[in-house]
C-alpha atoms as a PDB file:
ATOM      1  CA  UNK A   1       0.253  -0.119  -0.160  1.00  0.00           C
ATOM      2  CA  UNK A   2       0.984   3.485  -0.976  1.00  0.00           C
ATOM      3  CA  UNK A   3       1.887   5.776   1.931  1.00  0.00           C
ATOM      4  CA  UNK A   4       1.270   9.686   2.430  1.00  0.00           C
ATOM      5  CA  UNK A   5       4.606   9.993   2.172  1.00  0.00           C
ATOM      6  CA  UNK A   6       4.536   8.268  -1.223  1.00  0.00           C
ATOM      7  CA  UNK A   7       2.025   9.717  -2.604  1.00  0.00           C
ATOM      8  CA  UNK A   8       3.692  13.476  -1.718  1.00  0.00           C
ATOM      9  CA  UNK A   9       6.715  12.284  -2.873  1.00  0.00           C
ATOM     10  CA  UNK A  10       5.346  11.846  -6.262  1.00  0.00           C
ATOM     11  CA  UNK A  11       2.893  14.604  -6.279  1.00  0.00           C
ATOM     12  CA  UNK A  12       6.334  17.030  -5.730  1.00  0.00           C
ATOM     13  CA  UNK A  13       7.500  15.447  -8.566  1.00  0.00           C
ATOM     14  CA  UNK A  14       4.410  16.285 -11.305  1.00  0.00           C
ATOM     15  CA  UNK A  15       5.078  18.413 -14.072  1.00  0.00           C
ATOM     16  CA  UNK A  16       3.026  21.746 -13.894  1.00  0.00           C
ATOM     17  CA  UNK A  17       0.234  20.367 -16.232  1.00  0.00           C
ATOM     18  CA  UNK A  18      -0.347  17.041 -14.339  1.00  0.00           C
ATOM     19  CA  UNK A  19       0.245  18.902 -10.817  1.00  0.00           C
ATOM     20  CA  UNK A  20      -2.883  21.340 -12.456  1.00  0.00           C
ATOM     21  CA  UNK A  21      -4.564  18.450 -13.247  1.00  0.00           C
ATOM     22  CA  UNK A  22      -4.631  16.703 -10.345  1.00  0.00           C
ATOM     23  CA  UNK A  23      -5.887  19.448  -8.047  1.00  0.00           C
ATOM     24  CA  UNK A  24      -8.546  20.034 -10.267  1.00  0.00           C
ATOM     25  CA  UNK A  25      -9.254  16.245 -10.282  1.00  0.00           C
ATOM     26  CA  UNK A  26      -9.025  16.384  -6.276  1.00  0.00           C
ATOM     27  CA  UNK A  27     -10.791  19.610  -5.823  1.00  0.00           C
ATOM     28  CA  UNK A  28     -14.086  18.403  -7.799  1.00  0.00           C
ATOM     29  CA  UNK A  29     -13.432  14.814  -5.566  1.00  0.00           C
ATOM     30  CA  UNK A  30     -13.671  16.980  -2.186  1.00  0.00           C
ATOM     31  CA  UNK A  31     -16.877  18.715  -3.236  1.00  0.00           C
ATOM     32  CA  UNK A  32     -18.585  15.506  -4.204  1.00  0.00           C
ATOM     33  CA  UNK A  33     -17.778  13.876  -0.638  1.00  0.00           C
ATOM     34  CA  UNK A  34     -18.716  16.955   0.760  1.00  0.00           C
ATOM     35  CA  UNK A  35     -21.911  17.237  -1.332  1.00  0.00           C
ATOM     36  CA  UNK A  36     -22.397  13.598  -0.048  1.00  0.00           C
ATOM     37  CA  UNK A  37     -21.898  14.168   3.554  1.00  0.00           C
ATOM     38  CA  UNK A  38     -24.227  17.726   3.202  1.00  0.00           C
ATOM     39  CA  UNK A  39     -27.295  14.962   2.023  1.00  0.00           C
ATOM     40  CA  UNK A  40     -26.423  12.205   4.177  1.00  0.00           C
ATOM     41  CA  UNK A  41     -26.607  14.974   7.016  1.00  0.00           C
ATOM     42  CA  UNK A  42     -30.136  16.489   5.573  1.00  0.00           C
ATOM     43  CA  UNK A  43     -31.643  13.150   5.085  1.00  0.00           C
ATOM     44  CA  UNK A  44     -30.701  11.821   8.704  1.00  0.00           C
ATOM     45  CA  UNK A  45     -32.277  14.749  10.561  1.00  0.00           C
ATOM     46  CA  UNK A  46     -28.577  16.454  11.778  1.00  0.00           C
ATOM     47  CA  UNK A  47     -29.319  19.937  10.194  1.00  0.00           C
ATOM     48  CA  UNK A  48     -33.048  20.095  10.878  1.00  0.00           C
ATOM     49  CA  UNK A  49     -32.886  21.948  14.560  1.00  0.00           C
ATOM     50  CA  UNK A  50     -30.525  24.059  12.131  1.00  0.00           C
ATOM     51  CA  UNK A  51     -33.042  24.726   9.395  1.00  0.00           C
ATOM     52  CA  UNK A  52     -35.662  25.653  12.175  1.00  0.00           C
ATOM     53  CA  UNK A  53     -33.790  28.248  13.779  1.00  0.00           C
ATOM     54  CA  UNK A  54     -33.065  30.047  10.444  1.00  0.00           C
ATOM     55  CA  UNK A  55     -36.681  29.788   9.450  1.00  0.00           C
ATOM     56  CA  UNK A  56     -37.551  31.235  12.588  1.00  0.00           C
ATOM     57  CA  UNK A  57     -35.262  33.927  11.959  1.00  0.00           C
ATOM     58  CA  UNK A  58     -36.601  34.692   8.484  1.00  0.00           C
ATOM     59  CA  UNK A  59     -40.264  35.113   9.945  1.00  0.00           C
ATOM     60  CA  UNK A  60     -38.936  37.227  12.959  1.00  0.00           C
ATOM     61  CA  UNK A  61     -37.484  39.709  10.658  1.00  0.00           C
ATOM     62  CA  UNK A  62     -34.130  39.124  11.472  1.00  0.00           C
ATOM     63  CA  UNK A  63     -32.286  38.610   8.472  1.00  0.00           C
ATOM     64  CA  UNK A  64     -31.632  41.317   5.406  1.00  0.00           C
ATOM     65  CA  UNK A  65     -30.871  40.630   1.430  1.00  0.00           C
ATOM     66  CA  UNK A  66     -28.013  40.255   0.222  1.00  0.00           C
END
């Protein structure tokens, strides 16, 4: 199995074009993971309290347009 140190070394030796491609791939990979976690939390009800607080604040006039 490849270690983090081996991956870091390999990345540090990439040409600029490949490094740019890797960064773009990783950004998309990370965003998909984040979206998946948010969706999982939303479906499980973990975000209900926060959503209800935001709705209550909006209805109470505690929000302003951006």
